[in-house]
Amino acid sequence: MHSGFNWSDPIFPIFWVFGWAAFVLIILYMKNKKRQKTLELIHKERMAAMEKGIPMPEWPDYDINGKGSMFEDLRSERCDNPKGALGAGAILIMVGAGMCLAFYLWPAVRQIWPIGLIVVFTGVGVLLSYLLTRDKKA
């Protein structure tokens, strides 16, 4: 009997999906932690100014003025690039097509190849959203 990793084991796709989800959550956590440290630094600066009796410094432009959450940061970045939805749609379509092909060519999971179509059609929806809402002048 061969000992080692068995690619047809259903645990591999489960770890793959949850691994990527954990990766995204870690990135969001690190971004929020950085934002929190920046706010603490600004607070210490302002408290030191108050203790010394000097005028408080203006709020520096750290992209936190008027932002309620880290998700608003993401929304403002998305609005800066009007073609972001076009790129996201193309990437989702290609990732979905790759998933379909990979699942189809992997004999142990061939029967679930249509799962990739979910990602393909999500990409098509994002692409259609871009086409319907884009500025006609550009």
N, C-alpha and C. Protein backbone atom coordinates (compact mmCIF):
# COMPACT_ATOMS: atom_id res chain seq x y z
N MET A 1 0.85 -1.19 0.00
CA MET A 1 0.00 0.00 0.00
C MET A 1 0.88 1.24 0.00
N HIS A 2 0.50 2.17 -0.79
CA HIS A 2 1.26 3.42 -0.92
C HIS A 2 0.84 4.37 0.21
N SER A 3 1.81 4.85 0.94
CA SER A 3 1.50 5.83 1.98
C SER A 3 1.89 7.21 1.47
N GLY A 4 1.11 8.17 1.79
CA GLY A 4 1.36 9.54 1.34
C GLY A 4 0.05 10.25 1.15
N PHE A 5 0.13 11.38 0.51
CA PHE A 5 -1.06 12.20 0.31
C PHE A 5 -1.90 11.63 -0.82
N ASN A 6 -3.18 11.51 -0.59
CA ASN A 6 -4.12 11.00 -1.58
C ASN A 6 -4.92 12.19 -2.14
N TRP A 7 -4.68 12.54 -3.40
CA TRP A 7 -5.32 13.70 -4.01
C TRP A 7 -6.83 13.54 -4.16
N SER A 8 -7.32 12.30 -4.15
CA SER A 8 -8.76 12.11 -4.30
C SER A 8 -9.50 12.23 -2.97
N ASP A 9 -8.78 12.48 -1.89
CA ASP A 9 -9.39 12.65 -0.59
C ASP A 9 -10.22 13.94 -0.60
N PRO A 10 -11.47 13.89 -0.17
CA PRO A 10 -12.32 15.09 -0.23
C PRO A 10 -11.90 16.19 0.74
N ILE A 11 -11.00 15.90 1.64
CA ILE A 11 -10.58 16.91 2.61
C ILE A 11 -9.73 18.00 1.93
N PHE A 12 -9.05 17.66 0.83
CA PHE A 12 -8.19 18.64 0.16
C PHE A 12 -8.97 19.85 -0.33
N PRO A 13 -10.09 19.70 -1.08
CA PRO A 13 -10.84 20.90 -1.50
C PRO A 13 -11.39 21.70 -0.33
N ILE A 14 -11.74 21.02 0.76
CA ILE A 14 -12.26 21.72 1.93
C ILE A 14 -11.17 22.61 2.52
N PHE A 15 -9.97 22.06 2.68
CA PHE A 15 -8.86 22.86 3.19
C PHE A 15 -8.52 24.00 2.23
N TRP A 16 -8.64 23.75 0.95
CA TRP A 16 -8.33 24.78 -0.05
C TRP A 16 -9.27 25.98 0.12
N VAL A 17 -10.56 25.72 0.21
CA VAL A 17 -11.55 26.80 0.32
C VAL A 17 -11.37 27.54 1.65
N PHE A 18 -11.29 26.79 2.75
CA PHE A 18 -11.17 27.45 4.04
C PHE A 18 -9.81 28.11 4.22
N GLY A 19 -8.79 27.60 3.55
CA GLY A 19 -7.48 28.23 3.59
C GLY A 19 -7.51 29.61 2.96
N TRP A 20 -8.16 29.73 1.81
CA TRP A 20 -8.27 31.04 1.15
C TRP A 20 -9.14 31.99 1.97
N ALA A 21 -10.20 31.46 2.57
CA ALA A 21 -11.05 32.31 3.42
C ALA A 21 -10.24 32.83 4.62
N ALA A 22 -9.45 31.96 5.22
CA ALA A 22 -8.60 32.39 6.33
C ALA A 22 -7.59 33.43 5.88
N PHE A 23 -7.04 33.26 4.69
CA PHE A 23 -6.08 34.23 4.15
C PHE A 23 -6.72 35.61 4.01
N VAL A 24 -7.93 35.67 3.47
CA VAL A 24 -8.62 36.95 3.31
C VAL A 24 -8.91 37.57 4.68
N LEU A 25 -9.36 36.76 5.63
CA LEU A 25 -9.65 37.28 6.96
C LEU A 25 -8.39 37.81 7.64
N ILE A 26 -7.26 37.14 7.45
CA ILE A 26 -6.01 37.60 8.03
C ILE A 26 -5.60 38.94 7.43
N ILE A 27 -5.76 39.09 6.12
CA ILE A 27 -5.44 40.35 5.45
C ILE A 27 -6.32 41.48 6.00
N LEU A 28 -7.62 41.23 6.14
CA LEU A 28 -8.52 42.25 6.68
C LEU A 28 -8.15 42.59 8.12
N TYR A 29 -7.79 41.58 8.91
CA TYR A 29 -7.40 41.81 10.30
C TYR A 29 -6.14 42.68 10.37
N MET A 30 -5.16 42.37 9.52
CA MET A 30 -3.92 43.14 9.53
C MET A 30 -4.16 44.59 9.10
N LYS A 31 -5.03 44.80 8.14
CA LYS A 31 -5.35 46.16 7.69
C LYS A 31 -6.03 46.94 8.81
N ASN A 32 -6.94 46.29 9.51
CA ASN A 32 -7.64 46.94 10.61
C ASN A 32 -6.67 47.23 11.76
N LYS A 33 -5.73 46.32 12.02
CA LYS A 33 -4.74 46.51 13.08
C LYS A 33 -3.86 47.72 12.76
N LYS A 34 -3.45 47.87 11.50
CA LYS A 34 -2.64 49.00 11.08
C LYS A 34 -3.41 50.31 11.26
N ARG A 35 -4.67 50.30 10.91
CA ARG A 35 -5.51 51.48 11.06
C ARG A 35 -5.65 51.85 12.53
N GLN A 36 -5.81 50.84 13.40
CA GLN A 36 -5.95 51.08 14.83
C GLN A 36 -4.68 51.69 15.41
N LYS A 37 -3.51 51.21 14.99
CA LYS A 37 -2.24 51.77 15.46
C LYS A 37 -2.09 53.22 15.04
N THR A 38 -2.51 53.54 13.82
CA THR A 38 -2.44 54.91 13.34
C THR A 38 -3.33 55.82 14.18
N LEU A 39 -4.53 55.36 14.49
CA LEU A 39 -5.43 56.16 15.32
C LEU A 39 -4.85 56.36 16.72
N GLU A 40 -4.22 55.33 17.28
CA GLU A 40 -3.61 55.46 18.61
C GLU A 40 -2.47 56.47 18.58
N LEU A 41 -1.68 56.48 17.53
CA LEU A 41 -0.58 57.43 17.41
C LEU A 41 -1.11 58.86 17.34
N ILE A 42 -2.16 59.07 16.57
CA ILE A 42 -2.77 60.39 16.46
C ILE A 42 -3.32 60.82 17.83
N HIS A 43 -3.95 59.89 18.51
CA HIS A 43 -4.51 60.20 19.83
C HIS A 43 -3.41 60.60 20.81
N LYS A 44 -2.30 59.87 20.83
CA LYS A 44 -1.18 60.20 21.73
C LYS A 44 -0.62 61.58 21.41
N GLU A 45 -0.51 61.89 20.13
CA GLU A 45 -0.01 63.18 19.70
C GLU A 45 -0.91 64.31 20.20
N ARG A 46 -2.19 64.14 20.06
CA ARG A 46 -3.15 65.16 20.48
C ARG A 46 -3.19 65.29 21.99
N MET A 47 -3.08 64.18 22.71
CA MET A 47 -3.08 64.23 24.18
C MET A 47 -1.83 64.94 24.69
N ALA A 48 -0.68 64.69 24.07
CA ALA A 48 0.55 65.36 24.47
C ALA A 48 0.44 66.86 24.23
N ALA A 49 -0.18 67.26 23.14
CA ALA A 49 -0.37 68.68 22.85
C ALA A 49 -1.29 69.32 23.88
N MET A 50 -2.34 68.61 24.28
CA MET A 50 -3.26 69.14 25.29
C MET A 50 -2.56 69.31 26.63
N GLU A 51 -1.73 68.34 27.01
CA GLU A 51 -1.03 68.41 28.29
C GLU A 51 -0.05 69.57 28.33
N LYS A 52 0.58 69.89 27.22
CA LYS A 52 1.55 70.98 27.16
C LYS A 52 0.89 72.33 26.94
N GLY A 53 -0.38 72.32 26.66
CA GLY A 53 -1.11 73.57 26.49
C GLY A 53 -0.89 74.23 25.15
N ILE A 54 -0.40 73.50 24.19
CA ILE A 54 -0.22 74.07 22.86
C ILE A 54 -1.43 73.71 22.00
N PRO A 55 -1.65 74.48 20.95
CA PRO A 55 -2.81 74.16 20.09
C PRO A 55 -2.69 72.74 19.54
N MET A 56 -3.84 72.10 19.50
CA MET A 56 -3.83 70.72 19.01
C MET A 56 -3.53 70.70 17.52
N PRO A 57 -2.72 69.74 17.11
CA PRO A 57 -2.42 69.63 15.67
C PRO A 57 -3.66 69.22 14.89
N GLU A 58 -3.66 69.61 13.64
CA GLU A 58 -4.75 69.21 12.75
C GLU A 58 -4.71 67.70 12.56
N TRP A 59 -5.86 67.17 12.18
CA TRP A 59 -5.89 65.74 11.87
C TRP A 59 -5.07 65.52 10.61
N PRO A 60 -4.04 64.69 10.70
CA PRO A 60 -3.26 64.43 9.49
C PRO A 60 -4.07 63.62 8.50
N ASP A 61 -3.68 63.69 7.25
CA ASP A 61 -4.39 62.97 6.20
C ASP A 61 -3.86 61.55 6.10
N TYR A 62 -4.41 60.66 6.92
CA TYR A 62 -4.02 59.25 6.90
C TYR A 62 -5.10 58.39 6.28
N ASP A 63 -5.97 58.99 5.49
CA ASP A 63 -7.10 58.27 4.87
C ASP A 63 -8.02 57.67 5.92
N ILE A 64 -8.16 58.37 7.06
CA ILE A 64 -9.08 57.87 8.07
C ILE A 64 -10.12 58.92 8.43
N ASN A 65 -9.96 60.13 7.93
CA ASN A 65 -10.91 61.20 8.25
C ASN A 65 -12.26 60.89 7.63
N GLY A 66 -13.26 60.79 8.48
CA GLY A 66 -14.61 60.59 7.99
C GLY A 66 -14.92 59.17 7.57
N LYS A 67 -14.03 58.24 7.79
CA LYS A 67 -14.28 56.85 7.41
C LYS A 67 -14.85 56.11 8.62
N GLY A 68 -15.91 55.37 8.38
CA GLY A 68 -16.54 54.66 9.49
C GLY A 68 -15.98 53.27 9.70
N SER A 69 -15.52 52.63 8.65
CA SER A 69 -15.02 51.28 8.79
C SER A 69 -14.03 50.98 7.68
N MET A 70 -13.36 49.84 7.82
CA MET A 70 -12.38 49.47 6.81
C MET A 70 -13.08 49.14 5.49
N PHE A 71 -14.35 48.77 5.52
CA PHE A 71 -15.05 48.44 4.30
C PHE A 71 -15.34 49.70 3.49
N GLU A 72 -15.48 50.85 4.16
CA GLU A 72 -15.64 52.10 3.42
C GLU A 72 -14.35 52.45 2.69
N ASP A 73 -13.20 52.08 3.29
CA ASP A 73 -11.92 52.28 2.59
C ASP A 73 -11.93 51.50 1.28
N LEU A 74 -12.42 50.27 1.34
CA LEU A 74 -12.46 49.43 0.14
C LEU A 74 -13.41 50.03 -0.89
N ARG A 75 -14.55 50.56 -0.44
CA ARG A 75 -15.50 51.17 -1.36
C ARG A 75 -14.91 52.39 -2.04
N SER A 76 -14.18 53.21 -1.27
CA SER A 76 -13.60 54.42 -1.88
C SER A 76 -12.52 54.04 -2.88
N GLU A 77 -11.75 52.99 -2.60
CA GLU A 77 -10.75 52.55 -3.56
C GLU A 77 -11.40 52.03 -4.83
N ARG A 78 -12.53 51.35 -4.68
CA ARG A 78 -13.24 50.83 -5.83
C ARG A 78 -13.75 51.97 -6.71
N CYS A 79 -14.20 53.04 -6.08
CA CYS A 79 -14.72 54.18 -6.84
C CYS A 79 -13.61 54.93 -7.56
N ASP A 80 -12.39 54.84 -7.07
CA ASP A 80 -11.28 55.53 -7.71
C ASP A 80 -10.96 54.93 -9.07
N ASN A 81 -11.18 53.64 -9.23
CA ASN A 81 -10.86 52.96 -10.48
C ASN A 81 -12.15 52.48 -11.12
N PRO A 82 -12.66 53.19 -12.11
CA PRO A 82 -13.94 52.80 -12.70
C PRO A 82 -13.87 51.49 -13.48
N LYS A 83 -12.68 51.06 -13.87
CA LYS A 83 -12.57 49.81 -14.62
C LYS A 83 -12.27 48.63 -13.71
N GLY A 84 -12.35 48.82 -12.39
CA GLY A 84 -12.10 47.74 -11.45
C GLY A 84 -13.07 46.58 -11.62
N ALA A 85 -14.34 46.90 -11.88
CA ALA A 85 -15.34 45.86 -12.07
C ALA A 85 -15.06 45.07 -13.34
N LEU A 86 -14.54 45.74 -14.35
CA LEU A 86 -14.20 45.04 -15.60
C LEU A 86 -13.10 44.01 -15.34
N GLY A 87 -12.07 44.42 -14.61
CA GLY A 87 -10.99 43.49 -14.28
C GLY A 87 -11.45 42.37 -13.37
N ALA A 88 -12.27 42.71 -12.37
CA ALA A 88 -12.76 41.69 -11.45
C ALA A 88 -13.62 40.67 -12.18
N GLY A 89 -14.46 41.14 -13.10
CA GLY A 89 -15.31 40.22 -13.87
C GLY A 89 -14.47 39.28 -14.72
N ALA A 90 -13.45 39.83 -15.38
CA ALA A 90 -12.59 38.99 -16.22
C ALA A 90 -11.84 37.96 -15.38
N ILE A 91 -11.35 38.37 -14.22
CA ILE A 91 -10.63 37.44 -13.34
C ILE A 91 -11.56 36.35 -12.85
N LEU A 92 -12.77 36.71 -12.43
CA LEU A 92 -13.72 35.70 -11.95
C LEU A 92 -14.08 34.71 -13.06
N ILE A 93 -14.26 35.18 -14.27
CA ILE A 93 -14.59 34.29 -15.38
C ILE A 93 -13.44 33.30 -15.61
N MET A 94 -12.22 33.79 -15.61
CA MET A 94 -11.06 32.91 -15.84
C MET A 94 -10.86 31.92 -14.69
N VAL A 95 -11.03 32.39 -13.45
CA VAL A 95 -10.89 31.48 -12.30
C VAL A 95 -11.97 30.40 -12.35
N GLY A 96 -13.19 30.79 -12.68
CA GLY A 96 -14.28 29.82 -12.79
C GLY A 96 -14.04 28.80 -13.89
N ALA A 97 -13.55 29.27 -15.04
CA ALA A 97 -13.24 28.36 -16.15
C ALA A 97 -12.12 27.41 -15.74
N GLY A 98 -11.13 27.93 -15.02
CA GLY A 98 -10.05 27.08 -14.53
C GLY A 98 -10.55 26.04 -13.54
N MET A 99 -11.47 26.45 -12.68
CA MET A 99 -12.04 25.49 -11.72
C MET A 99 -12.80 24.38 -12.46
N CYS A 100 -13.62 24.78 -13.44
CA CYS A 100 -14.37 23.78 -14.22
C CYS A 100 -13.42 22.78 -14.87
N LEU A 101 -12.38 23.28 -15.51
CA LEU A 101 -11.43 22.42 -16.20
C LEU A 101 -10.68 21.52 -15.21
N ALA A 102 -10.23 22.10 -14.09
CA ALA A 102 -9.49 21.31 -13.10
C ALA A 102 -10.36 20.20 -12.51
N PHE A 103 -11.60 20.54 -12.16
CA PHE A 103 -12.49 19.53 -11.59
C PHE A 103 -12.83 18.47 -12.64
N TYR A 104 -12.99 18.86 -13.89
CA TYR A 104 -13.33 17.90 -14.93
C TYR A 104 -12.16 16.94 -15.20
N LEU A 105 -10.95 17.46 -15.17
CA LEU A 105 -9.77 16.62 -15.44
C LEU A 105 -9.33 15.79 -14.24
N TRP A 106 -9.82 16.10 -13.06
CA TRP A 106 -9.48 15.36 -11.84
C TRP A 106 -10.52 14.26 -11.66
N PRO A 107 -10.18 13.02 -11.96
CA PRO A 107 -11.18 11.95 -12.00
C PRO A 107 -11.95 11.76 -10.69
N ALA A 108 -11.33 12.01 -9.57
CA ALA A 108 -11.99 11.77 -8.28
C ALA A 108 -13.13 12.75 -8.03
N VAL A 109 -13.08 13.93 -8.63
CA VAL A 109 -14.12 14.93 -8.40
C VAL A 109 -14.77 15.41 -9.69
N ARG A 110 -14.70 14.59 -10.73
CA ARG A 110 -15.24 14.99 -12.03
C ARG A 110 -16.71 15.36 -11.96
N GLN A 111 -17.48 14.72 -11.10
CA GLN A 111 -18.91 14.97 -11.06
C GLN A 111 -19.26 16.36 -10.50
N ILE A 112 -18.31 17.06 -9.87
CA ILE A 112 -18.63 18.38 -9.32
C ILE A 112 -18.07 19.52 -10.18
N TRP A 113 -17.68 19.25 -11.42
CA TRP A 113 -17.10 20.30 -12.25
C TRP A 113 -18.03 21.50 -12.43
N PRO A 114 -19.38 21.35 -12.40
CA PRO A 114 -20.23 22.54 -12.59
C PRO A 114 -20.12 23.58 -11.47
N ILE A 115 -19.49 23.24 -10.36
CA ILE A 115 -19.34 24.23 -9.28
C ILE A 115 -18.57 25.45 -9.79
N GLY A 116 -17.64 25.25 -10.69
CA GLY A 116 -16.90 26.36 -11.27
C GLY A 116 -17.78 27.31 -12.05
N LEU A 117 -18.93 26.82 -12.52
CA LEU A 117 -19.85 27.70 -13.26
C LEU A 117 -20.42 28.79 -12.37
N ILE A 118 -20.50 28.53 -11.06
CA ILE A 118 -20.97 29.57 -10.13
C ILE A 118 -20.05 30.78 -10.21
N VAL A 119 -18.74 30.52 -10.21
CA VAL A 119 -17.77 31.60 -10.28
C VAL A 119 -17.80 32.26 -11.66
N VAL A 120 -17.95 31.44 -12.72
CA VAL A 120 -18.02 32.00 -14.07
C VAL A 120 -19.20 32.96 -14.19
N PHE A 121 -20.37 32.53 -13.75
CA PHE A 121 -21.54 33.39 -13.89
C PHE A 121 -21.52 34.58 -12.93
N THR A 122 -20.84 34.45 -11.81
CA THR A 122 -20.63 35.62 -10.95
C THR A 122 -19.78 36.65 -11.70
N GLY A 123 -18.74 36.17 -12.37
CA GLY A 123 -17.91 37.07 -13.18
C GLY A 123 -18.69 37.70 -14.32
N VAL A 124 -19.56 36.93 -14.95
CA VAL A 124 -20.40 37.48 -16.02
C VAL A 124 -21.30 38.57 -15.45
N GLY A 125 -21.84 38.35 -14.26
CA GLY A 125 -22.69 39.37 -13.62
C GLY A 125 -21.92 40.64 -13.31
N VAL A 126 -20.70 40.51 -12.81
CA VAL A 126 -19.87 41.68 -12.52
C VAL A 126 -19.53 42.41 -13.82
N LEU A 127 -19.23 41.66 -14.85
CA LEU A 127 -18.93 42.25 -16.16
C LEU A 127 -20.15 42.99 -16.72
N LEU A 128 -21.32 42.39 -16.62
CA LEU A 128 -22.54 43.06 -17.07
C LEU A 128 -22.82 44.31 -16.24
N SER A 129 -22.56 44.23 -14.95
CA SER A 129 -22.73 45.40 -14.08
C SER A 129 -21.84 46.54 -14.56
N TYR A 130 -20.60 46.22 -14.91
CA TYR A 130 -19.69 47.26 -15.43
C TYR A 130 -20.23 47.83 -16.73
N LEU A 131 -20.67 46.96 -17.64
CA LEU A 131 -21.14 47.44 -18.94
C LEU A 131 -22.40 48.29 -18.83
N LEU A 132 -23.26 47.96 -17.87
CA LEU A 132 -24.52 48.71 -17.73
C LEU A 132 -24.35 50.01 -16.97
N THR A 133 -23.33 50.12 -16.13
CA THR A 133 -23.19 51.31 -15.29
C THR A 133 -22.01 52.19 -15.67
N ARG A 134 -21.28 51.82 -16.69
CA ARG A 134 -20.10 52.61 -17.07
C ARG A 134 -20.51 53.96 -17.65
N ASP A 135 -19.56 54.86 -17.60
CA ASP A 135 -19.78 56.20 -18.14
C ASP A 135 -19.72 56.11 -19.67
N LYS A 136 -20.74 56.53 -20.34
CA LYS A 136 -20.82 56.40 -21.81
C LYS A 136 -19.84 57.30 -22.53
N LYS A 137 -19.31 58.33 -21.86
CA LYS A 137 -18.39 59.26 -22.51
C LYS A 137 -17.02 58.63 -22.73
N ALA A 138 -16.63 57.71 -21.85
CA ALA A 138 -15.26 57.16 -21.91
C ALA A 138 -15.10 56.15 -23.01
